[in-house]
Amino acid sequence: MESSLVRWGIPAIALLLAAAFAVGVARAESALGTEARVRARRILFASAGVALYLAAIAAVGLSGVLTRFDLRPPPFMLLVVVTLGLTLAVALSSVGRRLATGLPLAALVGFQAFRLPLELVMHRAANDGLMPSVMSWGGGNFDVVSGITALLLGAALPFGSVPRGVIFAWNLLGSVLLLVIAAIAIAASPIFRAFGDDQLNVWVTRFPYTWMIVMVAAALFGHVLVARRLRTDARAGSQSSLKASQTSGDGA
């Protein structure tokens, strides 16, 4: 039987992530000096967009269509593909660029700390028998490491110079761990049954647990933003070095 922690924890985290997106857009636009009227419009669009996104996933989950693994292609897999495609499209768009450049790097890294409480809730879901144990850290899911290290690294960034290589390595590790749990979740679905019939991942097909895909999307979105920020900073550093060398050469 599902506990209150799981029943309310999953939707609470999803709603907090949605709010974080809207707040992030507001902070980034302010930091970039966007004109007030334009900034207000972008915040409104971001808030409405994420609300519509959550509502659409909730509606699909409540409809029961995600349980139809007999259909080809399975609706659940279509939802996964559409969600991840939309996430990448937004992260690589001008919206993602403004978030990546307008927000502090500490905020972009620290955002991934949500994976710590999420993994705690997932572990409880496994103990409740709601979620396959193979998807918890008792199985092959070690994504809790991403949450813990994001918390520590995000807290350290404002107080000192953290080597770019460390942040890159952390971002790569978090991406790999995300890929691992995503692969486990899909392998445990009724499509593949990779871990047996007693380890089927069907809990995410009904609301509010359909919002688990929001967590995956948020983590992917965050990793892309950090990668974009590191790339932007590297380019800025290269240009500064080039200008410095040119100035030195002119002076000589």
Protein backbone atom coordinates (compact mmCIF):
# COMPACT_ATOMS: atom_id res chain seq x y z
CA MET A 1 0.00 0.00 0.00
CA GLU A 2 1.30 3.43 -0.92
CA SER A 3 2.33 5.72 1.91
CA SER A 4 1.43 9.39 2.24
CA LEU A 5 5.06 10.30 1.59
CA VAL A 6 4.87 8.72 -1.85
CA ARG A 7 1.31 9.77 -2.64
CA TRP A 8 2.01 13.43 -1.94
CA GLY A 9 5.77 13.52 -2.40
CA ILE A 10 5.81 12.90 -6.14
CA PRO A 11 3.28 15.61 -7.07
CA ALA A 12 4.86 18.03 -4.58
CA ILE A 13 8.28 17.67 -6.21
CA ALA A 14 6.76 18.02 -9.69
CA LEU A 15 4.97 21.23 -8.72
CA LEU A 16 8.10 22.64 -7.09
CA LEU A 17 10.08 21.93 -10.25
CA ALA A 18 7.46 23.72 -12.33
CA ALA A 19 7.63 26.70 -9.98
CA ALA A 20 11.44 26.64 -10.14
CA PHE A 21 11.27 26.89 -13.93
CA ALA A 22 9.05 29.96 -13.80
CA VAL A 23 11.19 31.59 -11.10
CA GLY A 24 14.33 30.73 -13.06
CA VAL A 25 12.98 32.47 -16.15
CA ALA A 26 12.13 35.55 -14.06
CA ARG A 27 15.57 35.67 -12.44
CA ALA A 28 17.42 35.07 -15.71
CA GLU A 29 15.50 37.75 -17.61
CA SER A 30 16.11 40.22 -14.79
CA ALA A 31 19.83 39.43 -14.70
CA LEU A 32 20.08 39.85 -18.47
CA GLY A 33 18.43 43.26 -18.25
CA THR A 34 15.41 42.37 -20.35
CA GLU A 35 12.95 45.24 -20.75
CA ALA A 36 10.14 45.01 -18.18
CA ARG A 37 7.29 44.46 -20.62
CA VAL A 38 9.15 41.73 -22.50
CA ARG A 39 10.25 40.15 -19.23
CA ALA A 40 6.66 40.00 -17.95
CA ARG A 41 5.49 38.39 -21.18
CA ARG A 42 8.20 35.75 -21.10
CA ILE A 43 7.47 34.90 -17.47
CA LEU A 44 3.78 34.57 -18.30
CA PHE A 45 4.50 32.29 -21.27
CA ALA A 46 6.87 30.16 -19.19
CA SER A 47 4.37 29.80 -16.35
CA ALA A 48 1.49 29.00 -18.69
CA GLY A 49 3.60 26.58 -20.69
CA VAL A 50 4.77 24.54 -17.72
CA ALA A 51 1.24 24.51 -16.26
CA LEU A 52 -0.14 23.22 -19.55
CA TYR A 53 2.63 20.61 -19.68
CA LEU A 54 1.76 19.28 -16.21
CA ALA A 55 -1.96 19.32 -16.97
CA ALA A 56 -1.48 17.39 -20.22
CA ILE A 57 0.54 14.65 -18.52
CA ALA A 58 -1.99 14.46 -15.69
CA ALA A 59 -4.86 14.14 -18.17
CA VAL A 60 -3.12 11.35 -20.05
CA GLY A 61 -2.41 9.53 -16.79
CA LEU A 62 -6.00 9.87 -15.59
CA SER A 63 -7.36 8.63 -18.93
CA GLY A 64 -5.85 5.17 -18.39
CA VAL A 65 -4.45 5.04 -21.92
CA LEU A 66 -0.86 4.68 -20.63
CA THR A 67 -1.69 1.21 -19.29
CA ARG A 68 -2.37 -0.02 -22.83
CA PHE A 69 0.93 -1.75 -23.52
CA ASP A 70 -0.90 -3.98 -26.00
CA LEU A 71 -1.13 -1.10 -28.46
CA ARG A 72 1.60 -0.46 -31.01
CA PRO A 73 3.33 1.80 -30.41
CA PRO A 74 2.54 1.79 -26.67
CA PRO A 75 1.15 5.19 -25.57
CA PHE A 76 3.57 5.24 -22.64
CA MET A 77 6.57 5.07 -24.97
CA LEU A 78 5.08 7.82 -27.13
CA LEU A 79 4.77 9.99 -24.03
CA VAL A 80 8.42 9.35 -23.17
CA VAL A 81 9.62 10.22 -26.67
CA VAL A 82 7.47 13.36 -26.95
CA THR A 83 8.43 14.58 -23.47
CA LEU A 84 12.16 14.10 -23.96
CA GLY A 85 12.02 15.63 -27.43
CA LEU A 86 10.17 18.67 -26.11
CA THR A 87 12.62 18.98 -23.22
CA LEU A 88 15.64 19.00 -25.53
CA ALA A 89 13.94 21.45 -27.89
CA VAL A 90 13.33 23.96 -25.09
CA ALA A 91 16.76 23.44 -23.50
CA LEU A 92 18.50 24.06 -26.83
CA SER A 93 16.28 27.01 -27.73
CA SER A 94 16.74 30.70 -26.92
CA VAL A 95 14.84 30.03 -23.67
CA GLY A 96 17.51 27.56 -22.61
CA ARG A 97 20.26 29.94 -23.71
CA ARG A 98 18.89 32.77 -21.57
CA LEU A 99 18.52 30.48 -18.56
CA ALA A 100 22.04 29.10 -19.03
CA THR A 101 23.62 32.55 -19.27
CA GLY A 102 21.33 34.54 -16.98
CA LEU A 103 21.33 32.29 -13.93
CA PRO A 104 24.35 31.76 -11.64
CA LEU A 105 26.24 28.54 -12.29
CA ALA A 106 25.67 27.62 -8.64
CA ALA A 107 21.92 27.76 -9.23
CA LEU A 108 22.14 25.64 -12.39
CA VAL A 109 24.16 22.98 -10.54
CA GLY A 110 22.27 23.20 -7.25
CA PHE A 111 18.96 22.74 -9.07
CA GLN A 112 19.79 19.05 -9.49
CA ALA A 113 19.68 18.61 -5.70
CA PHE A 114 15.98 17.79 -6.15
CA ARG A 115 17.12 14.29 -7.06
CA LEU A 116 18.03 13.62 -3.42
CA PRO A 117 14.49 13.95 -1.98
CA LEU A 118 13.13 12.29 -5.12
CA GLU A 119 15.29 9.22 -4.55
CA LEU A 120 14.19 9.09 -0.91
CA VAL A 121 10.56 9.07 -2.02
CA MET A 122 11.31 6.43 -4.67
CA HIS A 123 13.03 4.24 -2.08
CA ARG A 124 9.90 4.44 0.06
CA ALA A 125 7.79 3.59 -2.99
CA ALA A 126 9.88 0.46 -3.48
CA ASN A 127 9.44 -0.49 0.18
CA ASP A 128 5.69 0.04 -0.22
CA GLY A 129 5.70 -2.42 -3.11
CA LEU A 130 4.47 0.30 -5.46
CA MET A 131 7.66 0.70 -7.47
CA PRO A 132 9.94 -2.14 -8.64
CA SER A 133 12.87 -2.45 -6.25
CA VAL A 134 15.25 -2.55 -9.21
CA MET A 135 14.47 1.16 -9.74
CA SER A 136 15.65 2.12 -6.24
CA TRP A 137 19.20 2.31 -4.91
CA GLY A 138 18.63 -1.22 -3.67
CA GLY A 139 18.67 -2.16 -7.35
CA GLY A 140 20.78 -0.46 -9.99
CA ASN A 141 19.70 3.14 -9.44
CA PHE A 142 22.41 5.31 -7.92
CA ASP A 143 20.97 8.65 -9.01
CA VAL A 144 20.92 9.74 -5.37
CA VAL A 145 24.63 10.49 -5.91
CA SER A 146 23.62 13.19 -8.40
CA GLY A 147 21.40 14.87 -5.82
CA ILE A 148 23.98 14.77 -3.03
CA THR A 149 26.87 16.02 -5.18
CA ALA A 150 24.68 18.76 -6.71
CA LEU A 151 23.90 20.01 -3.23
CA LEU A 152 27.55 20.05 -2.21
CA LEU A 153 28.92 21.49 -5.46
CA GLY A 154 26.18 24.08 -5.75
CA ALA A 155 26.92 25.25 -2.20
CA ALA A 156 30.67 25.42 -2.88
CA LEU A 157 30.51 27.41 -6.14
CA PRO A 158 29.61 30.83 -4.65
CA PHE A 159 32.49 30.66 -2.15
CA GLY A 160 35.42 29.70 -4.33
CA SER A 161 36.75 28.90 -7.75
CA VAL A 162 35.78 25.37 -8.70
CA PRO A 163 37.78 24.03 -11.68
CA ARG A 164 35.75 23.83 -14.86
CA GLY A 165 36.87 20.22 -15.26
CA VAL A 166 35.24 19.28 -11.96
CA ILE A 167 31.90 20.77 -13.03
CA PHE A 168 32.15 19.08 -16.42
CA ALA A 169 32.89 15.72 -14.79
CA TRP A 170 29.98 16.17 -12.37
CA ASN A 171 27.62 17.05 -15.20
CA LEU A 172 28.75 14.02 -17.17
CA LEU A 173 28.34 11.73 -14.16
CA GLY A 174 24.84 13.03 -13.48
CA SER A 175 23.89 12.55 -17.11
CA VAL A 176 25.14 8.96 -17.10
CA LEU A 177 23.29 8.16 -13.87
CA LEU A 178 20.12 9.66 -15.36
CA LEU A 179 20.55 7.53 -18.46
CA VAL A 180 21.01 4.42 -16.31
CA ILE A 181 17.79 4.85 -14.32
CA ALA A 182 15.87 5.77 -17.49
CA ALA A 183 17.14 2.59 -19.14
CA ILE A 184 16.18 0.51 -16.08
CA ALA A 185 12.69 2.04 -16.03
CA ILE A 186 12.11 1.26 -19.71
CA ALA A 187 13.62 -2.23 -19.44
CA ALA A 188 11.31 -2.97 -16.51
CA SER A 189 8.21 -1.91 -18.45
CA PRO A 190 5.70 -4.53 -19.66
CA ILE A 191 7.19 -4.09 -23.14
CA PHE A 192 10.52 -5.71 -22.25
CA ARG A 193 9.98 -7.33 -18.81
CA ALA A 194 13.77 -7.45 -18.42
CA PHE A 195 13.65 -8.12 -14.67
CA GLY A 196 10.70 -10.49 -14.56
CA ASP A 197 6.98 -10.12 -14.01
CA ASP A 198 7.45 -9.27 -10.33
CA GLN A 199 9.52 -6.19 -11.27
CA LEU A 200 7.21 -4.48 -13.74
CA ASN A 201 7.33 -0.71 -13.97
CA VAL A 202 3.63 0.11 -14.26
CA TRP A 203 3.20 2.57 -11.39
CA VAL A 204 4.19 5.49 -13.64
CA THR A 205 1.22 4.83 -15.91
CA ARG A 206 -1.29 6.31 -13.47
CA PHE A 207 -1.62 9.76 -11.97
CA PRO A 208 0.02 11.29 -9.96
CA TYR A 209 2.95 9.00 -10.69
CA THR A 210 2.84 9.89 -14.38
CA TRP A 211 4.54 13.08 -13.20
CA MET A 212 7.67 11.00 -12.65
CA ILE A 213 8.48 11.80 -16.25
CA VAL A 214 8.60 15.46 -15.19
CA MET A 215 11.53 14.57 -12.92
CA VAL A 216 13.41 12.91 -15.77
CA ALA A 217 12.72 15.87 -18.04
CA ALA A 218 13.85 18.35 -15.37
CA ALA A 219 17.11 16.51 -14.76
CA LEU A 220 17.84 16.30 -18.49
CA PHE A 221 16.95 19.97 -18.93
CA GLY A 222 19.29 20.95 -16.12
CA HIS A 223 22.23 18.99 -17.50
CA VAL A 224 21.84 20.58 -20.93
CA LEU A 225 21.79 24.05 -19.35
CA VAL A 226 25.00 23.37 -17.40
CA ALA A 227 26.66 22.08 -20.58
CA ARG A 228 25.59 25.21 -22.45
CA ARG A 229 26.89 27.43 -19.64
CA LEU A 230 30.26 25.69 -19.57
CA ARG A 231 30.55 26.04 -23.33
CA THR A 232 29.64 29.74 -23.19
CA ASP A 233 32.14 30.40 -20.41
CA ALA A 234 34.85 28.53 -22.30
CA ARG A 235 34.23 30.61 -25.42
CA ALA A 236 34.26 33.82 -23.38
CA GLY A 237 37.55 32.78 -21.78
CA SER A 238 39.10 31.99 -25.15
CA GLN A 239 38.02 35.35 -26.57
CA SER A 240 39.40 37.17 -23.54
CA SER A 241 42.74 35.37 -23.92
CA LEU A 242 42.83 36.20 -27.62
CA LYS A 243 42.12 39.89 -26.97
CA ALA A 244 44.77 39.97 -24.26
CA SER A 245 47.38 38.44 -26.56
CA GLN A 246 46.47 40.88 -29.35
CA THR A 247 46.73 43.83 -26.98
CA SER A 248 50.09 42.57 -25.76
CA GLY A 249 51.27 42.16 -29.32
CA ASP A 250 50.13 45.66 -30.31
CA GLY A 251 51.90 47.09 -27.28
CA ALA A 252 55.10 45.33 -28.25
